[in-house]
Amino acid sequence: VQATQLEEQLEQRMVLVDQCHLFISLKDVLVAGRHSRVV
């Protein structure tokens, strides 16, 4: 039972990490867009 719980926690963390990477990449795109507009 503990093993499955750990696996579920790991999966949840991986999803969180994926969301963080998505957010960071989106932010980079927005920042790059702003810079291109300013320049």
PDB file of N, CA and C in Angstrom:
ATOM      1  N   VAL A   1       0.854  -1.211   0.000  1.00  0.00           N
ATOM      2  CA  VAL A   1       0.000   0.000   0.000  1.00  0.00           C
ATOM      3  C   VAL A   1       0.879   1.246   0.000  1.00  0.00           C
ATOM      4  N   GLN A   2       1.933   1.225   0.802  1.00  0.00           N
ATOM      5  CA  GLN A   2       2.818   2.397   0.863  1.00  0.00           C
ATOM      6  C   GLN A   2       3.440   2.677  -0.504  1.00  0.00           C
ATOM      7  N   ALA A   3       3.813   1.612  -1.206  1.00  0.00           N
ATOM      8  CA  ALA A   3       4.474   1.789  -2.508  1.00  0.00           C
ATOM      9  C   ALA A   3       3.549   2.542  -3.467  1.00  0.00           C
ATOM     10  N   THR A   4       2.280   2.149  -3.510  1.00  0.00           N
ATOM     11  CA  THR A   4       1.354   2.818  -4.428  1.00  0.00           C
ATOM     12  C   THR A   4       1.162   4.268  -4.014  1.00  0.00           C
ATOM     13  N   GLN A   5       1.125   4.533  -2.713  1.00  0.00           N
ATOM     14  CA  GLN A   5       0.979   5.920  -2.239  1.00  0.00           C
ATOM     15  C   GLN A   5       2.166   6.749  -2.709  1.00  0.00           C
ATOM     16  N   LEU A   6       3.373   6.188  -2.565  1.00  0.00           N
ATOM     17  CA  LEU A   6       4.571   6.921  -3.000  1.00  0.00           C
ATOM     18  C   LEU A   6       4.507   7.189  -4.496  1.00  0.00           C
ATOM     19  N   GLU A   7       4.064   6.201  -5.253  1.00  0.00           N
ATOM     20  CA  GLU A   7       3.980   6.380  -6.708  1.00  0.00           C
ATOM     21  C   GLU A   7       3.000   7.497  -7.048  1.00  0.00           C
ATOM     22  N   GLU A   8       1.873   7.524  -6.346  1.00  0.00           N
ATOM     23  CA  GLU A   8       0.886   8.572  -6.616  1.00  0.00           C
ATOM     24  C   GLU A   8       1.466   9.937  -6.287  1.00  0.00           C
ATOM     25  N   GLN A   9       2.173  10.041  -5.162  1.00  0.00           N
ATOM     26  CA  GLN A   9       2.791  11.318  -4.785  1.00  0.00           C
ATOM     27  C   GLN A   9       3.804  11.737  -5.844  1.00  0.00           C
ATOM     28  N   LEU A  10       4.586  10.770  -6.326  1.00  0.00           N
ATOM     29  CA  LEU A  10       5.589  11.087  -7.347  1.00  0.00           C
ATOM     30  C   LEU A  10       4.904  11.600  -8.611  1.00  0.00           C
ATOM     31  N   GLU A  11       3.816  10.946  -8.996  1.00  0.00           N
ATOM     32  CA  GLU A  11       3.103  11.372 -10.207  1.00  0.00           C
ATOM     33  C   GLU A  11       2.575  12.797 -10.024  1.00  0.00           C
ATOM     34  N   GLN A  12       2.019  13.082  -8.842  1.00  0.00           N
ATOM     35  CA  GLN A  12       1.496  14.427  -8.588  1.00  0.00           C
ATOM     36  C   GLN A  12       2.625  15.449  -8.681  1.00  0.00           C
ATOM     37  N   ARG A  13       3.778  15.100  -8.129  1.00  0.00           N
ATOM     38  CA  ARG A  13       4.912  16.040  -8.176  1.00  0.00           C
ATOM     39  C   ARG A  13       5.361  16.265  -9.607  1.00  0.00           C
ATOM     40  N   MET A  14       5.388  15.195 -10.393  1.00  0.00           N
ATOM     41  CA  MET A  14       5.807  15.332 -11.788  1.00  0.00           C
ATOM     42  C   MET A  14       4.850  16.267 -12.529  1.00  0.00           C
ATOM     43  N   VAL A  15       3.554  16.138 -12.242  1.00  0.00           N
ATOM     44  CA  VAL A  15       2.558  17.008 -12.887  1.00  0.00           C
ATOM     45  C   VAL A  15       2.817  18.450 -12.484  1.00  0.00           C
ATOM     46  N   LEU A  16       3.109  18.660 -11.198  1.00  0.00           N
ATOM     47  CA  LEU A  16       3.388  20.018 -10.717  1.00  0.00           C
ATOM     48  C   LEU A  16       4.615  20.572 -11.426  1.00  0.00           C
ATOM     49  N   VAL A  17       5.650  19.744 -11.547  1.00  0.00           N
ATOM     50  CA  VAL A  17       6.879  20.191 -12.217  1.00  0.00           C
ATOM     51  C   VAL A  17       6.580  20.542 -13.671  1.00  0.00           C
ATOM     52  N   ASP A  18       5.770  19.703 -14.331  1.00  0.00           N
ATOM     53  CA  ASP A  18       5.411  19.987 -15.727  1.00  0.00           C
ATOM     54  C   ASP A  18       4.695  21.329 -15.823  1.00  0.00           C
ATOM     55  N   GLN A  19       3.759  21.578 -14.892  1.00  0.00           N
ATOM     56  CA  GLN A  19       3.018  22.839 -14.912  1.00  0.00           C
ATOM     57  C   GLN A  19       3.967  24.012 -14.694  1.00  0.00           C
ATOM     58  N   CYS A  20       4.933  23.834 -13.795  1.00  0.00           N
ATOM     59  CA  CYS A  20       5.891  24.918 -13.526  1.00  0.00           C
ATOM     60  C   CYS A  20       6.698  25.216 -14.789  1.00  0.00           C
ATOM     61  N   HIS A  21       7.161  24.154 -15.471  1.00  0.00           N
ATOM     62  CA  HIS A  21       7.950  24.362 -16.686  1.00  0.00           C
ATOM     63  C   HIS A  21       7.103  25.072 -17.749  1.00  0.00           C
ATOM     64  N   LEU A  22       5.826  24.669 -17.844  1.00  0.00           N
ATOM     65  CA  LEU A  22       4.926  25.306 -18.808  1.00  0.00           C
ATOM     66  C   LEU A  22       4.781  26.785 -18.482  1.00  0.00           C
ATOM     67  N   PHE A  23       4.569  27.091 -17.200  1.00  0.00           N
ATOM     68  CA  PHE A  23       4.394  28.481 -16.773  1.00  0.00           C
ATOM     69  C   PHE A  23       5.642  29.297 -17.080  1.00  0.00           C
ATOM     70  N   ILE A  24       6.811  28.713 -16.792  1.00  0.00           N
ATOM     71  CA  ILE A  24       8.076  29.434 -17.028  1.00  0.00           C
ATOM     72  C   ILE A  24       8.263  29.689 -18.523  1.00  0.00           C
ATOM     73  N   SER A  25       7.980  28.682 -19.346  1.00  0.00           N
ATOM     74  CA  SER A  25       8.151  28.866 -20.791  1.00  0.00           C
ATOM     75  C   SER A  25       7.164  29.911 -21.313  1.00  0.00           C
ATOM     76  N   LEU A  26       5.944  29.891 -20.787  1.00  0.00           N
ATOM     77  CA  LEU A  26       4.952  30.894 -21.202  1.00  0.00           C
ATOM     78  C   LEU A  26       5.430  32.283 -20.809  1.00  0.00           C
ATOM     79  N   LYS A  27       5.974  32.388 -19.585  1.00  0.00           N
ATOM     80  CA  LYS A  27       6.477  33.687 -19.115  1.00  0.00           C
ATOM     81  C   LYS A  27       7.610  34.161 -20.021  1.00  0.00           C
ATOM     82  N   ASP A  28       8.507  33.232 -20.393  1.00  0.00           N
ATOM     83  CA  ASP A  28       9.623  33.604 -21.266  1.00  0.00           C
ATOM     84  C   ASP A  28       9.091  34.143 -22.596  1.00  0.00           C
ATOM     85  N   VAL A  29       8.068  33.488 -23.120  1.00  0.00           N
ATOM     86  CA  VAL A  29       7.485  33.926 -24.400  1.00  0.00           C
ATOM     87  C   VAL A  29       6.892  35.323 -24.253  1.00  0.00           C
ATOM     88  N   LEU A  30       6.171  35.540 -23.134  1.00  0.00           N
ATOM     89  CA  LEU A  30       5.567  36.862 -22.906  1.00  0.00           C
ATOM     90  C   LEU A  30       6.649  37.929 -22.789  1.00  0.00           C
ATOM     91  N   VAL A  31       7.688  37.632 -22.009  1.00  0.00           N
ATOM     92  CA  VAL A  31       8.778  38.603 -21.829  1.00  0.00           C
ATOM     93  C   VAL A  31       9.453  38.886 -23.167  1.00  0.00           C
ATOM     94  N   ALA A  32       9.704  37.844 -23.941  1.00  0.00           N
ATOM     95  CA  ALA A  32      10.340  38.028 -25.247  1.00  0.00           C
ATOM     96  C   ALA A  32       9.435  38.878 -26.138  1.00  0.00           C
ATOM     97  N   GLY A  33       8.129  38.640 -26.065  1.00  0.00           N
ATOM     98  CA  GLY A  33       7.188  39.423 -26.880  1.00  0.00           C
ATOM     99  C   GLY A  33       7.232  40.886 -26.490  1.00  0.00           C
ATOM    100  N   ARG A  34       7.301  41.161 -25.189  1.00  0.00           N
ATOM    101  CA  ARG A  34       7.351  42.547 -24.723  1.00  0.00           C
ATOM    102  C   ARG A  34       8.619  43.222 -25.230  1.00  0.00           C
ATOM    103  N   HIS A  35       9.749  42.512 -25.126  1.00  0.00           N
ATOM    104  CA  HIS A  35      11.016  43.096 -25.555  1.00  0.00           C
ATOM    105  C   HIS A  35      10.981  43.392 -27.061  1.00  0.00           C
ATOM    106  N   SER A  36      10.417  42.467 -27.824  1.00  0.00           N
ATOM    107  CA  SER A  36      10.372  42.680 -29.276  1.00  0.00           C
ATOM    108  C   SER A  36       9.473  43.871 -29.592  1.00  0.00           C
ATOM    109  N   ARG A  37       8.415  44.069 -28.816  1.00  0.00           N
ATOM    110  CA  ARG A  37       7.525  45.213 -29.056  1.00  0.00           C
ATOM    111  C   ARG A  37       8.248  46.514 -28.732  1.00  0.00           C
ATOM    112  N   VAL A  38       8.946  46.514 -27.592  1.00  0.00           N
ATOM    113  CA  VAL A  38       9.648  47.734 -27.165  1.00  0.00           C
ATOM    114  C   VAL A  38      10.718  48.085 -28.193  1.00  0.00           C
ATOM    115  N   VAL A  39      11.481  47.074 -28.636  1.00  0.00           N
ATOM    116  CA  VAL A  39      12.554  47.304 -29.602  1.00  0.00           C
ATOM    117  C   VAL A  39      11.965  47.394 -30.994  1.00  0.00           C
TER     118      VAL A  39
END
